[in-house]
Amino acid sequence: MLRHESQINGYAIRASDGLIGTISDVLFEDATWLVRWLVIDTGTWLFGRKVLLPPSALGSVNHIGYQFVVKLTRQQVKDCPDVDADLPVSRQHEADIYDYYGWAPYWGAGSYMGMVGLGGYAGGPMTTPPSLAALEREKSIDDARLAECDPTLRSVKEVTGYRVHASDGEVGHVTDFLIEDDDWSVHYLVVDTGMWWQGNKVLVSPLAVHSIRWTDRLVNLGADRKTVKGSAEYDPSATIDPIYEKKVHKYNDDLRLRGL
């Protein structure tokens, strides 16, 4: 089910023996647009310390009570590696957490597994398995990231507010993200068109993003403003049904055909 990231923020995380804290942010991998970590604010329990948990650690969810359950104890969380949740979070930091809990890291099979492509999101079948050379190249990239602490994760809280530019001018700014909670993939950026198209919001797929300039807080699209305006208006209170998604997908296909 698609959920606003802003709604997921504030959900409580409950261990087997009590509350751990609340979700304060999520970190996604900028190459795949998959959520890799939940940032948990432990509040007064650990004196404001933040810890990272992968979505795969989540068990049952109570959306009425705004709560996720994890199969961990409070002591396990308390003793986990002390990682600064502020960016950048290096691959070495991630590896330390996975090693501590004894979990298999998400990059173990290479980033090709779960890569967002034109055919869909993580979990979909690959039409062509990666070659041995490709897997070896992927491993060398991972090894380099471990050695050089190359940050690959981005904060949703950070990207919220970034300006969005079409090929012929600014179209608005990012106000939220829609995340599929089955596979924790970012399906859409919610863009408020501001004064340019006053009072309207549109959904933009990550596949339609040409580039993100982190230093300039800017998301670039490969289409003009007219194409963006031709997208379906987004009503946050409305249900995103298959008909609406089909219209949005057509819009994002148009963006790709115009130069992405």
Protein backbone atom coordinates (compact mmCIF):
# COMPACT_ATOMS: atom_id res chain seq x y z
CA MET A 1 0.00 0.00 0.00
CA LEU A 2 1.22 3.48 -0.86
CA ARG A 3 1.77 5.71 2.13
CA HIS A 4 3.01 9.25 2.59
CA GLU A 5 6.42 9.37 4.19
CA SER A 6 5.15 12.26 6.31
CA GLN A 7 2.52 9.88 7.72
CA ILE A 8 5.08 7.18 8.51
CA ASN A 9 7.09 9.69 10.51
CA GLY A 10 6.04 9.49 14.13
CA TYR A 11 5.13 5.79 14.03
CA ALA A 12 6.28 4.09 17.23
CA ILE A 13 8.69 1.15 17.13
CA ARG A 14 7.99 -1.50 19.76
CA ALA A 15 10.50 -4.18 20.73
CA SER A 16 9.49 -7.45 22.39
CA ASP A 17 9.85 -5.83 25.82
CA GLY A 18 8.77 -2.26 25.28
CA LEU A 19 8.97 0.86 23.13
CA ILE A 20 12.22 1.82 21.40
CA GLY A 21 11.25 5.19 19.95
CA THR A 22 9.60 6.74 16.91
CA ILE A 23 10.47 7.03 13.22
CA SER A 24 11.94 10.46 12.53
CA ASP A 25 13.27 10.00 8.99
CA VAL A 26 13.96 7.39 6.31
CA LEU A 27 17.11 6.98 4.23
CA PHE A 28 16.88 5.83 0.62
CA GLU A 29 19.57 4.67 -1.78
CA ASP A 30 19.92 7.28 -4.50
CA ALA A 31 20.61 4.74 -7.28
CA THR A 32 17.58 2.50 -6.64
CA TRP A 33 15.12 4.75 -4.77
CA LEU A 34 14.64 1.98 -2.22
CA VAL A 35 14.32 2.79 1.47
CA ARG A 36 17.28 1.17 3.23
CA TRP A 37 17.01 2.49 6.79
CA LEU A 38 14.50 3.90 9.22
CA VAL A 39 15.92 6.54 11.54
CA ILE A 40 14.56 5.89 15.04
CA ASP A 41 14.58 8.69 17.59
CA THR A 42 14.84 6.99 20.99
CA GLY A 43 13.74 10.10 22.89
CA THR A 44 14.46 10.18 26.59
CA TRP A 45 15.09 6.42 26.76
CA LEU A 46 18.61 6.78 25.26
CA PHE A 47 18.90 10.51 25.84
CA GLY A 48 17.99 11.55 22.30
CA ARG A 49 20.23 9.00 20.59
CA LYS A 50 19.15 7.90 17.13
CA VAL A 51 19.50 4.36 15.79
CA LEU A 52 19.09 2.85 12.34
CA LEU A 53 16.90 -0.16 11.53
CA PRO A 54 16.31 -1.66 8.07
CA PRO A 55 12.67 -2.04 6.94
CA SER A 56 13.30 -5.79 6.77
CA ALA A 57 13.50 -5.82 10.58
CA LEU A 58 9.88 -4.73 10.88
CA GLY A 59 7.28 -7.29 11.83
CA SER A 60 3.58 -6.58 12.23
CA VAL A 61 2.16 -3.09 11.82
CA ASN A 62 -0.73 -1.43 13.60
CA HIS A 63 -1.78 1.49 11.42
CA ILE A 64 -4.61 2.35 13.80
CA GLY A 65 -2.19 2.57 16.71
CA TYR A 66 0.59 4.00 14.50
CA GLN A 67 3.07 1.37 15.55
CA PHE A 68 5.53 -1.15 14.07
CA VAL A 69 6.76 -4.21 15.97
CA VAL A 70 10.34 -5.52 15.65
CA LYS A 71 11.68 -8.88 16.83
CA LEU A 72 14.38 -7.31 18.97
CA THR A 73 14.81 -6.50 22.63
CA ARG A 74 15.46 -3.04 23.99
CA GLN A 75 18.87 -4.22 25.19
CA GLN A 76 19.82 -5.35 21.67
CA VAL A 77 18.95 -1.94 20.32
CA LYS A 78 20.75 -0.19 23.16
CA ASP A 79 23.97 -2.17 22.48
CA CYS A 80 23.95 -1.70 18.70
CA PRO A 81 26.82 0.25 17.10
CA ASP A 82 26.61 3.96 17.82
CA VAL A 83 26.09 5.42 14.36
CA ASP A 84 25.49 9.09 13.67
CA ALA A 85 22.17 9.08 11.78
CA ASP A 86 23.01 12.46 10.22
CA LEU A 87 24.32 12.15 6.68
CA PRO A 88 26.60 10.95 5.32
CA VAL A 89 26.07 7.36 6.45
CA SER A 90 28.84 5.28 4.91
CA ARG A 91 28.68 1.69 3.72
CA GLN A 92 31.06 0.83 6.56
CA HIS A 93 28.55 2.20 9.08
CA GLU A 94 25.84 0.09 7.49
CA ALA A 95 28.07 -3.01 7.54
CA ASP A 96 28.75 -2.53 11.26
CA ILE A 97 25.02 -2.61 12.03
CA TYR A 98 24.35 -5.66 9.87
CA ASP A 99 27.31 -7.48 11.45
CA TYR A 100 26.08 -6.68 14.96
CA TYR A 101 22.59 -8.10 14.37
CA GLY A 102 23.85 -10.99 12.21
CA TRP A 103 21.71 -9.96 9.26
CA ALA A 104 22.63 -10.29 5.59
CA PRO A 105 23.25 -6.85 4.07
CA TYR A 106 21.04 -5.69 1.23
CA TRP A 107 24.03 -5.30 -1.09
CA GLY A 108 25.13 -8.93 -0.69
CA ALA A 109 23.73 -9.97 -4.08
CA GLY A 110 24.81 -6.77 -5.80
CA SER A 111 22.76 -3.67 -6.42
CA TYR A 112 21.34 -5.21 -9.57
CA MET A 113 18.97 -7.18 -7.36
CA GLY A 114 16.24 -4.70 -6.62
CA MET A 115 17.39 -1.98 -8.96
CA VAL A 116 14.57 0.29 -10.08
CA GLY A 117 14.23 0.06 -13.85
CA LEU A 118 11.76 0.92 -16.56
CA GLY A 119 9.89 -2.31 -15.91
CA GLY A 120 9.16 -1.71 -12.25
CA TYR A 121 10.52 -1.74 -8.75
CA ALA A 122 12.34 -4.10 -6.44
CA GLY A 123 11.23 -7.68 -6.40
CA GLY A 124 10.36 -7.91 -10.08
CA PRO A 125 11.96 -10.57 -12.28
CA MET A 126 15.03 -9.67 -14.28
CA THR A 127 14.83 -10.45 -17.97
CA THR A 128 18.61 -10.90 -18.23
CA PRO A 129 20.72 -12.10 -15.28
CA PRO A 130 23.81 -9.99 -14.62
CA SER A 131 27.01 -11.40 -16.05
CA LEU A 132 29.86 -12.60 -13.87
CA ALA A 133 31.86 -9.55 -14.94
CA ALA A 134 28.99 -7.27 -13.92
CA LEU A 135 28.73 -8.91 -10.50
CA GLU A 136 32.49 -8.65 -10.01
CA ARG A 137 32.35 -4.98 -10.99
CA GLU A 138 29.52 -4.45 -8.51
CA LYS A 139 31.57 -6.13 -5.77
CA SER A 140 34.55 -3.91 -6.52
CA ILE A 141 32.30 -0.85 -6.23
CA ASP A 142 31.00 -2.07 -2.88
CA ASP A 143 34.57 -2.73 -1.68
CA ALA A 144 35.58 0.77 -2.73
CA ARG A 145 32.64 2.25 -0.87
CA LEU A 146 33.62 0.32 2.24
CA ALA A 147 37.17 1.60 2.00
CA GLU A 148 36.36 5.20 1.10
CA CYS A 149 33.13 5.65 3.10
CA ASP A 150 31.34 6.75 -0.06
CA PRO A 151 27.83 7.89 0.96
CA THR A 152 25.04 6.43 -1.17
CA LEU A 153 22.11 7.19 1.13
CA ARG A 154 19.87 10.24 1.08
CA SER A 155 17.48 11.53 3.70
CA VAL A 156 13.83 12.07 2.80
CA LYS A 157 13.76 14.87 5.34
CA GLU A 158 16.68 16.50 3.51
CA VAL A 159 15.21 16.19 -0.01
CA THR A 160 11.80 17.48 1.10
CA GLY A 161 11.82 21.12 0.13
CA TYR A 162 14.19 20.75 -2.82
CA ARG A 163 13.21 22.90 -5.81
CA VAL A 164 12.06 21.04 -8.94
CA HIS A 165 13.17 22.34 -12.35
CA ALA A 166 11.81 21.49 -15.79
CA SER A 167 13.94 22.13 -18.88
CA ASP A 168 12.51 25.65 -19.23
CA GLY A 169 12.14 26.77 -15.65
CA GLU A 170 11.15 26.01 -12.11
CA VAL A 171 7.90 24.11 -11.50
CA GLY A 172 7.73 23.86 -7.72
CA HIS A 173 9.27 22.00 -4.81
CA VAL A 174 9.17 18.54 -3.22
CA THR A 175 6.69 18.35 -0.34
CA ASP A 176 6.43 14.61 0.34
CA PHE A 177 7.15 11.08 -0.89
CA LEU A 178 4.80 8.18 -1.56
CA ILE A 179 6.34 4.91 -0.40
CA GLU A 180 5.08 1.38 -1.09
CA ASP A 181 5.21 -0.34 2.29
CA ASP A 182 5.31 -3.84 0.78
CA ASP A 183 8.81 -3.40 -0.67
CA TRP A 184 9.71 0.04 0.72
CA SER A 185 10.30 1.61 -2.68
CA VAL A 186 9.78 5.30 -3.36
CA HIS A 187 7.05 5.37 -6.00
CA TYR A 188 6.45 9.10 -6.30
CA LEU A 189 7.70 12.51 -5.28
CA VAL A 190 4.85 14.87 -4.40
CA VAL A 191 5.57 18.23 -6.04
CA ASP A 192 3.79 21.43 -5.04
CA THR A 193 3.73 23.69 -8.10
CA GLY A 194 3.49 26.81 -5.95
CA MET A 195 2.82 30.17 -7.59
CA TRP A 196 3.51 28.80 -11.07
CA TRP A 197 0.37 26.65 -11.05
CA GLN A 198 -1.18 27.87 -7.87
CA GLY A 199 -2.82 25.38 -5.55
CA ASN A 200 -1.93 22.29 -7.57
CA LYS A 201 0.23 19.28 -6.76
CA VAL A 202 1.52 16.58 -9.11
CA LEU A 203 3.20 13.21 -8.66
CA VAL A 204 6.58 12.59 -10.29
CA SER A 205 8.10 9.13 -10.50
CA PRO A 206 11.79 8.79 -9.57
CA LEU A 207 12.21 7.30 -13.04
CA ALA A 208 11.39 10.73 -14.45
CA VAL A 209 14.11 12.48 -12.45
CA HIS A 210 17.02 13.39 -14.68
CA SER A 211 19.39 14.40 -11.90
CA ILE A 212 19.54 15.69 -8.35
CA ARG A 213 22.00 18.42 -7.45
CA TRP A 214 22.47 17.88 -3.76
CA THR A 215 24.61 20.98 -3.17
CA ASP A 216 22.00 23.20 -4.86
CA ARG A 217 18.99 21.42 -3.32
CA LEU A 218 17.59 20.92 -6.81
CA VAL A 219 15.71 18.13 -8.65
CA ASN A 220 16.01 18.31 -12.45
CA LEU A 221 13.45 16.86 -14.86
CA GLY A 222 14.02 16.22 -18.56
CA ALA A 223 10.77 17.81 -19.73
CA ASP A 224 9.31 21.27 -20.16
CA ARG A 225 6.76 22.95 -17.90
CA LYS A 226 3.91 22.25 -20.33
CA THR A 227 4.47 18.51 -19.94
CA VAL A 228 4.51 18.81 -16.17
CA LYS A 229 1.28 20.79 -16.27
CA GLY A 230 -0.26 18.01 -18.34
CA SER A 231 0.13 15.59 -15.43
CA ALA A 232 -2.85 14.52 -13.39
CA GLU A 233 -3.48 16.85 -10.46
CA TYR A 234 -2.83 15.18 -7.16
CA ASP A 235 -5.37 15.29 -4.35
CA PRO A 236 -3.73 14.01 -1.12
CA SER A 237 -7.15 13.08 0.28
CA ALA A 238 -8.08 10.92 -2.72
CA THR A 239 -7.33 7.22 -3.10
CA ILE A 240 -4.64 6.41 -5.66
CA ASP A 241 -6.48 3.79 -7.70
CA PRO A 242 -5.27 1.92 -10.83
CA ILE A 243 -6.94 4.45 -13.16
CA TYR A 244 -5.14 7.35 -11.53
CA GLU A 245 -1.83 5.50 -11.50
CA LYS A 246 -2.21 4.66 -15.20
CA LYS A 247 -2.56 8.36 -15.95
CA VAL A 248 0.47 9.21 -13.84
CA HIS A 249 2.53 6.45 -15.48
CA LYS A 250 1.64 7.83 -18.93
CA TYR A 251 2.80 11.26 -17.82
CA ASN A 252 6.11 9.90 -16.55
CA ASP A 253 6.55 7.88 -19.76
CA ASP A 254 6.16 11.18 -21.64
CA LEU A 255 8.88 12.69 -19.48
CA ARG A 256 11.27 9.86 -20.37
CA LEU A 257 10.48 10.08 -24.08
CA ARG A 258 11.33 13.78 -24.02
CA GLY A 259 14.94 13.17 -23.23
CA LEU A 260 15.47 11.16 -20.07
